[in-house]
Amino acid sequence: MNPLRIPRPRGKLPARYASVVMPLVLSLLMTFVVSAISTLKSLGATPAFVATWPIAWALSWLVAFPTLLALLPLVRRIVALVVAPPSAPG
């Protein structure tokens, strides 16, 4: 048995999953922050906050993730209307 075992590199998802992974991570982070602020403002820094916030986060994420997936094509079109495409090199 070799005590200096070299860890195997972890694999990455194929690029085709980026269109789902990006909204997944974005929705997790945004709902984490927004639900924490909203719950903290509503309940204050109390034990009730600790008990209530994870549920509020989960519920908000359940709404946010599919909404983000549905609206992302529209958002991309709006961004394309207001942002110039990159210029070709040369």
PDB file of N, CA and C in Angstrom:
ATOM      1  N   MET A   1       0.843  -1.173   0.000  1.00  0.00           N
ATOM      2  CA  MET A   1       0.000   0.000   0.000  1.00  0.00           C
ATOM      3  C   MET A   1       0.886   1.233   0.000  1.00  0.00           C
ATOM      4  N   ASN A   2       0.579   2.179  -0.862  1.00  0.00           N
ATOM      5  CA  ASN A   2       1.373   3.391  -1.013  1.00  0.00           C
ATOM      6  C   ASN A   2       0.756   4.509  -0.172  1.00  0.00           C
ATOM      7  N   PRO A   3       1.467   5.005   0.866  1.00  0.00           N
ATOM      8  CA  PRO A   3       0.901   6.071   1.698  1.00  0.00           C
ATOM      9  C   PRO A   3       0.855   7.416   0.986  1.00  0.00           C
ATOM     10  N   LEU A   4       1.604   7.591  -0.075  1.00  0.00           N
ATOM     11  CA  LEU A   4       1.626   8.848  -0.811  1.00  0.00           C
ATOM     12  C   LEU A   4       0.772   8.744  -2.071  1.00  0.00           C
ATOM     13  N   ARG A   5      -0.437   8.342  -1.881  1.00  0.00           N
ATOM     14  CA  ARG A   5      -1.338   8.154  -3.008  1.00  0.00           C
ATOM     15  C   ARG A   5      -1.686   9.508  -3.630  1.00  0.00           C
ATOM     16  N   ILE A   6      -1.530   9.610  -4.936  1.00  0.00           N
ATOM     17  CA  ILE A   6      -1.820  10.844  -5.649  1.00  0.00           C
ATOM     18  C   ILE A   6      -3.309  10.857  -5.995  1.00  0.00           C
ATOM     19  N   PRO A   7      -4.020  11.935  -5.589  1.00  0.00           N
ATOM     20  CA  PRO A   7      -5.457  11.980  -5.905  1.00  0.00           C
ATOM     21  C   PRO A   7      -5.691  12.123  -7.403  1.00  0.00           C
ATOM     22  N   ARG A   8      -6.735  11.463  -7.867  1.00  0.00           N
ATOM     23  CA  ARG A   8      -7.104  11.574  -9.278  1.00  0.00           C
ATOM     24  C   ARG A   8      -7.776  12.922  -9.510  1.00  0.00           C
ATOM     25  N   PRO A   9      -7.510  13.537 -10.659  1.00  0.00           N
ATOM     26  CA  PRO A   9      -8.195  14.797 -10.950  1.00  0.00           C
ATOM     27  C   PRO A   9      -9.690  14.550 -11.146  1.00  0.00           C
ATOM     28  N   ARG A  10     -10.465  15.463 -10.652  1.00  0.00           N
ATOM     29  CA  ARG A  10     -11.919  15.340 -10.807  1.00  0.00           C
ATOM     30  C   ARG A  10     -12.316  15.764 -12.222  1.00  0.00           C
ATOM     31  N   GLY A  11     -13.253  15.048 -12.757  1.00  0.00           N
ATOM     32  CA  GLY A  11     -13.714  15.369 -14.100  1.00  0.00           C
ATOM     33  C   GLY A  11     -14.637  16.570 -14.094  1.00  0.00           C
ATOM     34  N   LYS A  12     -14.731  17.198 -15.221  1.00  0.00           N
ATOM     35  CA  LYS A  12     -15.639  18.319 -15.394  1.00  0.00           C
ATOM     36  C   LYS A  12     -16.797  17.874 -16.265  1.00  0.00           C
ATOM     37  N   LEU A  13     -17.893  18.574 -16.127  1.00  0.00           N
ATOM     38  CA  LEU A  13     -19.032  18.315 -16.994  1.00  0.00           C
ATOM     39  C   LEU A  13     -18.702  18.786 -18.402  1.00  0.00           C
ATOM     40  N   PRO A  14     -19.278  18.155 -19.389  1.00  0.00           N
ATOM     41  CA  PRO A  14     -19.073  18.635 -20.759  1.00  0.00           C
ATOM     42  C   PRO A  14     -19.661  20.042 -20.930  1.00  0.00           C
ATOM     43  N   ALA A  15     -19.133  20.789 -21.877  1.00  0.00           N
ATOM     44  CA  ALA A  15     -19.539  22.181 -22.112  1.00  0.00           C
ATOM     45  C   ALA A  15     -21.036  22.313 -22.394  1.00  0.00           C
ATOM     46  N   ARG A  16     -21.655  21.284 -22.927  1.00  0.00           N
ATOM     47  CA  ARG A  16     -23.085  21.391 -23.266  1.00  0.00           C
ATOM     48  C   ARG A  16     -23.969  21.604 -22.037  1.00  0.00           C
ATOM     49  N   TYR A  17     -23.449  21.322 -20.843  1.00  0.00           N
ATOM     50  CA  TYR A  17     -24.219  21.521 -19.618  1.00  0.00           C
ATOM     51  C   TYR A  17     -24.120  22.939 -19.063  1.00  0.00           C
ATOM     52  N   ALA A  18     -23.304  23.784 -19.654  1.00  0.00           N
ATOM     53  CA  ALA A  18     -23.120  25.153 -19.150  1.00  0.00           C
ATOM     54  C   ALA A  18     -24.422  25.941 -19.133  1.00  0.00           C
ATOM     55  N   SER A  19     -25.301  25.674 -20.092  1.00  0.00           N
ATOM     56  CA  SER A  19     -26.558  26.425 -20.155  1.00  0.00           C
ATOM     57  C   SER A  19     -27.504  26.093 -19.010  1.00  0.00           C
ATOM     58  N   VAL A  20     -27.254  25.013 -18.284  1.00  0.00           N
ATOM     59  CA  VAL A  20     -28.054  24.668 -17.109  1.00  0.00           C
ATOM     60  C   VAL A  20     -27.273  24.940 -15.827  1.00  0.00           C
ATOM     61  N   VAL A  21     -25.970  24.695 -15.858  1.00  0.00           N
ATOM     62  CA  VAL A  21     -25.157  24.879 -14.650  1.00  0.00           C
ATOM     63  C   VAL A  21     -25.066  26.351 -14.258  1.00  0.00           C
ATOM     64  N   MET A  22     -24.908  27.243 -15.232  1.00  0.00           N
ATOM     65  CA  MET A  22     -24.811  28.666 -14.928  1.00  0.00           C
ATOM     66  C   MET A  22     -26.078  29.179 -14.236  1.00  0.00           C
ATOM     67  N   PRO A  23     -27.269  28.951 -14.766  1.00  0.00           N
ATOM     68  CA  PRO A  23     -28.469  29.399 -14.055  1.00  0.00           C
ATOM     69  C   PRO A  23     -28.650  28.692 -12.704  1.00  0.00           C
ATOM     70  N   LEU A  24     -28.211  27.448 -12.601  1.00  0.00           N
ATOM     71  CA  LEU A  24     -28.308  26.736 -11.329  1.00  0.00           C
ATOM     72  C   LEU A  24     -27.476  27.432 -10.259  1.00  0.00           C
ATOM     73  N   VAL A  25     -26.221  27.699 -10.562  1.00  0.00           N
ATOM     74  CA  VAL A  25     -25.338  28.355  -9.594  1.00  0.00           C
ATOM     75  C   VAL A  25     -25.829  29.773  -9.306  1.00  0.00           C
ATOM     76  N   LEU A  26     -26.205  30.504 -10.342  1.00  0.00           N
ATOM     77  CA  LEU A  26     -26.702  31.868 -10.163  1.00  0.00           C
ATOM     78  C   LEU A  26     -27.943  31.892  -9.275  1.00  0.00           C
ATOM     79  N   SER A  27     -28.884  31.002  -9.522  1.00  0.00           N
ATOM     80  CA  SER A  27     -30.111  30.991  -8.716  1.00  0.00           C
ATOM     81  C   SER A  27     -29.832  30.585  -7.273  1.00  0.00           C
ATOM     82  N   LEU A  28     -28.911  29.643  -7.065  1.00  0.00           N
ATOM     83  CA  LEU A  28     -28.559  29.260  -5.696  1.00  0.00           C
ATOM     84  C   LEU A  28     -27.951  30.430  -4.932  1.00  0.00           C
ATOM     85  N   LEU A  29     -27.005  31.133  -5.550  1.00  0.00           N
ATOM     86  CA  LEU A  29     -26.352  32.249  -4.874  1.00  0.00           C
ATOM     87  C   LEU A  29     -27.293  33.430  -4.655  1.00  0.00           C
ATOM     88  N   MET A  30     -28.065  33.774  -5.668  1.00  0.00           N
ATOM     89  CA  MET A  30     -28.971  34.923  -5.536  1.00  0.00           C
ATOM     90  C   MET A  30     -30.061  34.675  -4.507  1.00  0.00           C
ATOM     91  N   THR A  31     -30.672  33.505  -4.535  1.00  0.00           N
ATOM     92  CA  THR A  31     -31.728  33.232  -3.559  1.00  0.00           C
ATOM     93  C   THR A  31     -31.157  33.111  -2.152  1.00  0.00           C
ATOM     94  N   PHE A  32     -29.923  32.630  -2.018  1.00  0.00           N
ATOM     95  CA  PHE A  32     -29.247  32.564  -0.721  1.00  0.00           C
ATOM     96  C   PHE A  32     -29.176  33.956  -0.108  1.00  0.00           C
ATOM     97  N   VAL A  33     -28.700  34.925  -0.885  1.00  0.00           N
ATOM     98  CA  VAL A  33     -28.523  36.292  -0.384  1.00  0.00           C
ATOM     99  C   VAL A  33     -29.869  36.983  -0.162  1.00  0.00           C
ATOM    100  N   VAL A  34     -30.729  36.950  -1.163  1.00  0.00           N
ATOM    101  CA  VAL A  34     -31.992  37.677  -1.083  1.00  0.00           C
ATOM    102  C   VAL A  34     -32.897  37.123   0.021  1.00  0.00           C
ATOM    103  N   SER A  35     -32.992  35.805   0.137  1.00  0.00           N
ATOM    104  CA  SER A  35     -33.840  35.238   1.197  1.00  0.00           C
ATOM    105  C   SER A  35     -33.259  35.518   2.578  1.00  0.00           C
ATOM    106  N   ALA A  36     -31.935  35.531   2.694  1.00  0.00           N
ATOM    107  CA  ALA A  36     -31.326  35.849   3.995  1.00  0.00           C
ATOM    108  C   ALA A  36     -31.635  37.287   4.391  1.00  0.00           C
ATOM    109  N   ILE A  37     -31.479  38.218   3.462  1.00  0.00           N
ATOM    110  CA  ILE A  37     -31.760  39.629   3.761  1.00  0.00           C
ATOM    111  C   ILE A  37     -33.231  39.821   4.097  1.00  0.00           C
ATOM    112  N   SER A  38     -34.100  39.244   3.305  1.00  0.00           N
ATOM    113  CA  SER A  38     -35.539  39.398   3.528  1.00  0.00           C
ATOM    114  C   SER A  38     -35.974  38.790   4.863  1.00  0.00           C
ATOM    115  N   THR A  39     -35.496  37.591   5.145  1.00  0.00           N
ATOM    116  CA  THR A  39     -35.875  36.929   6.398  1.00  0.00           C
ATOM    117  C   THR A  39     -35.283  37.660   7.596  1.00  0.00           C
ATOM    118  N   LEU A  40     -34.047  38.124   7.471  1.00  0.00           N
ATOM    119  CA  LEU A  40     -33.407  38.865   8.566  1.00  0.00           C
ATOM    120  C   LEU A  40     -34.141  40.168   8.840  1.00  0.00           C
ATOM    121  N   LYS A  41     -34.554  40.859   7.791  1.00  0.00           N
ATOM    122  CA  LYS A  41     -35.307  42.110   7.970  1.00  0.00           C
ATOM    123  C   LYS A  41     -36.665  41.844   8.605  1.00  0.00           C
ATOM    124  N   SER A  42     -37.270  40.757   8.238  1.00  0.00           N
ATOM    125  CA  SER A  42     -38.597  40.425   8.760  1.00  0.00           C
ATOM    126  C   SER A  42     -38.552  39.944  10.216  1.00  0.00           C
ATOM    127  N   LEU A  43     -37.600  39.066  10.541  1.00  0.00           N
ATOM    128  CA  LEU A  43     -37.573  38.434  11.869  1.00  0.00           C
ATOM    129  C   LEU A  43     -36.511  38.990  12.804  1.00  0.00           C
ATOM    130  N   GLY A  44     -35.504  39.641  12.237  1.00  0.00           N
ATOM    131  CA  GLY A  44     -34.378  40.090  13.049  1.00  0.00           C
ATOM    132  C   GLY A  44     -33.426  38.931  13.302  1.00  0.00           C
ATOM    133  N   ALA A  45     -32.311  39.248  13.972  1.00  0.00           N
ATOM    134  CA  ALA A  45     -31.295  38.229  14.270  1.00  0.00           C
ATOM    135  C   ALA A  45     -31.725  37.448  15.507  1.00  0.00           C
ATOM    136  N   THR A  46     -32.650  36.549  15.305  1.00  0.00           N
ATOM    137  CA  THR A  46     -33.222  35.759  16.401  1.00  0.00           C
ATOM    138  C   THR A  46     -33.090  34.274  16.064  1.00  0.00           C
ATOM    139  N   PRO A  47     -33.349  33.419  17.045  1.00  0.00           N
ATOM    140  CA  PRO A  47     -33.370  31.983  16.731  1.00  0.00           C
ATOM    141  C   PRO A  47     -34.418  31.626  15.671  1.00  0.00           C
ATOM    142  N   ALA A  48     -35.465  32.413  15.597  1.00  0.00           N
ATOM    143  CA  ALA A  48     -36.482  32.166  14.569  1.00  0.00           C
ATOM    144  C   ALA A  48     -35.902  32.347  13.166  1.00  0.00           C
ATOM    145  N   PHE A  49     -34.943  33.257  13.021  1.00  0.00           N
ATOM    146  CA  PHE A  49     -34.298  33.451  11.726  1.00  0.00           C
ATOM    147  C   PHE A  49     -33.603  32.165  11.276  1.00  0.00           C
ATOM    148  N   VAL A  50     -32.852  31.565  12.202  1.00  0.00           N
ATOM    149  CA  VAL A  50     -32.100  30.342  11.883  1.00  0.00           C
ATOM    150  C   VAL A  50     -33.048  29.201  11.508  1.00  0.00           C
ATOM    151  N   ALA A  51     -34.204  29.162  12.143  1.00  0.00           N
ATOM    152  CA  ALA A  51     -35.168  28.100  11.860  1.00  0.00           C
ATOM    153  C   ALA A  51     -35.948  28.361  10.560  1.00  0.00           C
ATOM    154  N   THR A  52     -36.190  29.628  10.244  1.00  0.00           N
ATOM    155  CA  THR A  52     -37.050  29.983   9.121  1.00  0.00           C
ATOM    156  C   THR A  52     -36.299  30.139   7.805  1.00  0.00           C
ATOM    157  N   TRP A  53     -35.088  30.680   7.874  1.00  0.00           N
ATOM    158  CA  TRP A  53     -34.382  31.042   6.656  1.00  0.00           C
ATOM    159  C   TRP A  53     -34.111  29.878   5.696  1.00  0.00           C
ATOM    160  N   PRO A  54     -33.670  28.690   6.148  1.00  0.00           N
ATOM    161  CA  PRO A  54     -33.438  27.606   5.168  1.00  0.00           C
ATOM    162  C   PRO A  54     -34.694  27.227   4.378  1.00  0.00           C
ATOM    163  N   ILE A  55     -35.832  27.285   5.029  1.00  0.00           N
ATOM    164  CA  ILE A  55     -37.091  26.970   4.337  1.00  0.00           C
ATOM    165  C   ILE A  55     -37.413  28.061   3.321  1.00  0.00           C
ATOM    166  N   ALA A  56     -37.208  29.320   3.721  1.00  0.00           N
ATOM    167  CA  ALA A  56     -37.443  30.438   2.805  1.00  0.00           C
ATOM    168  C   ALA A  56     -36.502  30.350   1.608  1.00  0.00           C
ATOM    169  N   TRP A  57     -35.265  29.976   1.867  1.00  0.00           N
ATOM    170  CA  TRP A  57     -34.287  29.839   0.782  1.00  0.00           C
ATOM    171  C   TRP A  57     -34.716  28.736  -0.183  1.00  0.00           C
ATOM    172  N   ALA A  58     -35.102  27.592   0.346  1.00  0.00           N
ATOM    173  CA  ALA A  58     -35.506  26.470  -0.509  1.00  0.00           C
ATOM    174  C   ALA A  58     -36.721  26.832  -1.361  1.00  0.00           C
ATOM    175  N   LEU A  59     -37.697  27.472  -0.759  1.00  0.00           N
ATOM    176  CA  LEU A  59     -38.899  27.851  -1.513  1.00  0.00           C
ATOM    177  C   LEU A  59     -38.572  28.881  -2.583  1.00  0.00           C
ATOM    178  N   SER A  60     -37.735  29.849  -2.242  1.00  0.00           N
ATOM    179  CA  SER A  60     -37.397  30.864  -3.240  1.00  0.00           C
ATOM    180  C   SER A  60     -36.577  30.262  -4.368  1.00  0.00           C
ATOM    181  N   TRP A  61     -35.708  29.301  -4.062  1.00  0.00           N
ATOM    182  CA  TRP A  61     -34.930  28.662  -5.117  1.00  0.00           C
ATOM    183  C   TRP A  61     -35.833  27.835  -6.034  1.00  0.00           C
ATOM    184  N   LEU A  62     -36.833  27.158  -5.461  1.00  0.00           N
ATOM    185  CA  LEU A  62     -37.758  26.363  -6.275  1.00  0.00           C
ATOM    186  C   LEU A  62     -38.492  27.218  -7.306  1.00  0.00           C
ATOM    187  N   VAL A  63     -38.704  28.478  -6.995  1.00  0.00           N
ATOM    188  CA  VAL A  63     -39.332  29.395  -7.947  1.00  0.00           C
ATOM    189  C   VAL A  63     -38.283  29.999  -8.877  1.00  0.00           C
ATOM    190  N   ALA A  64     -37.141  30.383  -8.322  1.00  0.00           N
ATOM    191  CA  ALA A  64     -36.134  31.122  -9.092  1.00  0.00           C
ATOM    192  C   ALA A  64     -35.484  30.296 -10.197  1.00  0.00           C
ATOM    193  N   PHE A  65     -35.133  29.058  -9.929  1.00  0.00           N
ATOM    194  CA  PHE A  65     -34.400  28.277 -10.930  1.00  0.00           C
ATOM    195  C   PHE A  65     -35.216  28.029 -12.194  1.00  0.00           C
ATOM    196  N   PRO A  66     -36.429  27.511 -12.115  1.00  0.00           N
ATOM    197  CA  PRO A  66     -37.180  27.331 -13.367  1.00  0.00           C
ATOM    198  C   PRO A  66     -37.529  28.657 -14.043  1.00  0.00           C
ATOM    199  N   THR A  67     -37.740  29.714 -13.244  1.00  0.00           N
ATOM    200  CA  THR A  67     -38.014  31.026 -13.823  1.00  0.00           C
ATOM    201  C   THR A  67     -36.805  31.513 -14.611  1.00  0.00           C
ATOM    202  N   LEU A  68     -35.633  31.345 -14.038  1.00  0.00           N
ATOM    203  CA  LEU A  68     -34.401  31.741 -14.723  1.00  0.00           C
ATOM    204  C   LEU A  68     -34.205  30.953 -16.006  1.00  0.00           C
ATOM    205  N   LEU A  69     -34.455  29.660 -15.973  1.00  0.00           N
ATOM    206  CA  LEU A  69     -34.334  28.850 -17.190  1.00  0.00           C
ATOM    207  C   LEU A  69     -35.305  29.311 -18.275  1.00  0.00           C
ATOM    208  N   ALA A  70     -36.521  29.670 -17.858  1.00  0.00           N
ATOM    209  CA  ALA A  70     -37.531  30.088 -18.827  1.00  0.00           C
ATOM    210  C   ALA A  70     -37.233  31.469 -19.412  1.00  0.00           C
ATOM    211  N   LEU A  71     -36.696  32.382 -18.595  1.00  0.00           N
ATOM    212  CA  LEU A  71     -36.481  33.750 -19.041  1.00  0.00           C
ATOM    213  C   LEU A  71     -35.115  34.002 -19.679  1.00  0.00           C
ATOM    214  N   LEU A  72     -34.195  33.079 -19.544  1.00  0.00           N
ATOM    215  CA  LEU A  72     -32.848  33.289 -20.057  1.00  0.00           C
ATOM    216  C   LEU A  72     -32.802  33.578 -21.564  1.00  0.00           C
ATOM    217  N   PRO A  73     -33.564  32.887 -22.401  1.00  0.00           N
ATOM    218  CA  PRO A  73     -33.537  33.243 -23.833  1.00  0.00           C
ATOM    219  C   PRO A  73     -34.001  34.684 -24.092  1.00  0.00           C
ATOM    220  N   LEU A  74     -35.025  35.138 -23.398  1.00  0.00           N
ATOM    221  CA  LEU A  74     -35.501  36.514 -23.539  1.00  0.00           C
ATOM    222  C   LEU A  74     -34.433  37.502 -23.074  1.00  0.00           C
ATOM    223  N   VAL A  75     -33.794  37.214 -21.957  1.00  0.00           N
ATOM    224  CA  VAL A  75     -32.745  38.090 -21.436  1.00  0.00           C
ATOM    225  C   VAL A  75     -31.586  38.174 -22.422  1.00  0.00           C
ATOM    226  N   ARG A  76     -31.223  37.068 -23.025  1.00  0.00           N
ATOM    227  CA  ARG A  76     -30.137  37.087 -24.017  1.00  0.00           C
ATOM    228  C   ARG A  76     -30.488  37.982 -25.212  1.00  0.00           C
ATOM    229  N   ARG A  77     -31.744  37.933 -25.650  1.00  0.00           N
ATOM    230  CA  ARG A  77     -32.171  38.789 -26.769  1.00  0.00           C
ATOM    231  C   ARG A  77     -32.146  40.263 -26.383  1.00  0.00           C
ATOM    232  N   ILE A  78     -32.588  40.573 -25.170  1.00  0.00           N
ATOM    233  CA  ILE A  78     -32.565  41.964 -24.699  1.00  0.00           C
ATOM    234  C   ILE A  78     -31.121  42.462 -24.602  1.00  0.00           C
ATOM    235  N   VAL A  79     -30.236  41.647 -24.071  1.00  0.00           N
ATOM    236  CA  VAL A  79     -28.827  42.033 -23.963  1.00  0.00           C
ATOM    237  C   VAL A  79     -28.236  42.253 -25.351  1.00  0.00           C
ATOM    238  N   ALA A  80     -28.592  41.422 -26.307  1.00  0.00           N
ATOM    239  CA  ALA A  80     -28.077  41.578 -27.671  1.00  0.00           C
ATOM    240  C   ALA A  80     -28.559  42.890 -28.305  1.00  0.00           C
ATOM    241  N   LEU A  81     -29.705  43.397 -27.865  1.00  0.00           N
ATOM    242  CA  LEU A  81     -30.211  44.671 -28.386  1.00  0.00           C
ATOM    243  C   LEU A  81     -29.434  45.864 -27.840  1.00  0.00           C
ATOM    244  N   VAL A  82     -28.901  45.755 -26.644  1.00  0.00           N
ATOM    245  CA  VAL A  82     -28.259  46.925 -26.008  1.00  0.00           C
ATOM    246  C   VAL A  82     -26.740  46.832 -25.936  1.00  0.00           C
ATOM    247  N   VAL A  83     -26.164  45.679 -26.303  1.00  0.00           N
ATOM    248  CA  VAL A  83     -24.712  45.503 -26.242  1.00  0.00           C
ATOM    249  C   VAL A  83     -24.207  45.196 -27.646  1.00  0.00           C
ATOM    250  N   ALA A  84     -23.172  45.928 -28.061  1.00  0.00           N
ATOM    251  CA  ALA A  84     -22.579  45.679 -29.384  1.00  0.00           C
ATOM    252  C   ALA A  84     -21.850  44.355 -29.389  1.00  0.00           C
ATOM    253  N   PRO A  85     -21.920  43.613 -30.489  1.00  0.00           N
ATOM    254  CA  PRO A  85     -21.173  42.358 -30.580  1.00  0.00           C
ATOM    255  C   PRO A  85     -19.667  42.650 -30.597  1.00  0.00           C
ATOM    256  N   PRO A  86     -18.850  41.690 -30.194  1.00  0.00           N
ATOM    257  CA  PRO A  86     -17.402  41.922 -30.217  1.00  0.00           C
ATOM    258  C   PRO A  86     -16.917  42.123 -31.653  1.00  0.00           C
ATOM    259  N   SER A  87     -15.968  43.022 -31.800  1.00  0.00           N
ATOM    260  CA  SER A  87     -15.436  43.261 -33.146  1.00  0.00           C
ATOM    261  C   SER A  87     -14.456  42.162 -33.520  1.00  0.00           C
ATOM    262  N   ALA A  88     -14.401  41.875 -34.810  1.00  0.00           N
ATOM    263  CA  ALA A  88     -13.516  40.825 -35.305  1.00  0.00           C
ATOM    264  C   ALA A  88     -12.057  41.305 -35.207  1.00  0.00           C
ATOM    265  N   PRO A  89     -11.158  40.429 -34.768  1.00  0.00           N
ATOM    266  CA  PRO A  89      -9.742  40.843 -34.669  1.00  0.00           C
ATOM    267  C   PRO A  89      -9.143  41.083 -36.055  1.00  0.00           C
ATOM    268  N   GLY A  90      -8.258  42.059 -36.117  1.00  0.00           N
ATOM    269  CA  GLY A  90      -7.557  42.271 -37.387  1.00  0.00           C
ATOM    270  C   GLY A  90      -7.815  43.553 -37.957  1.00  0.00           C
TER     271      GLY A  90
END
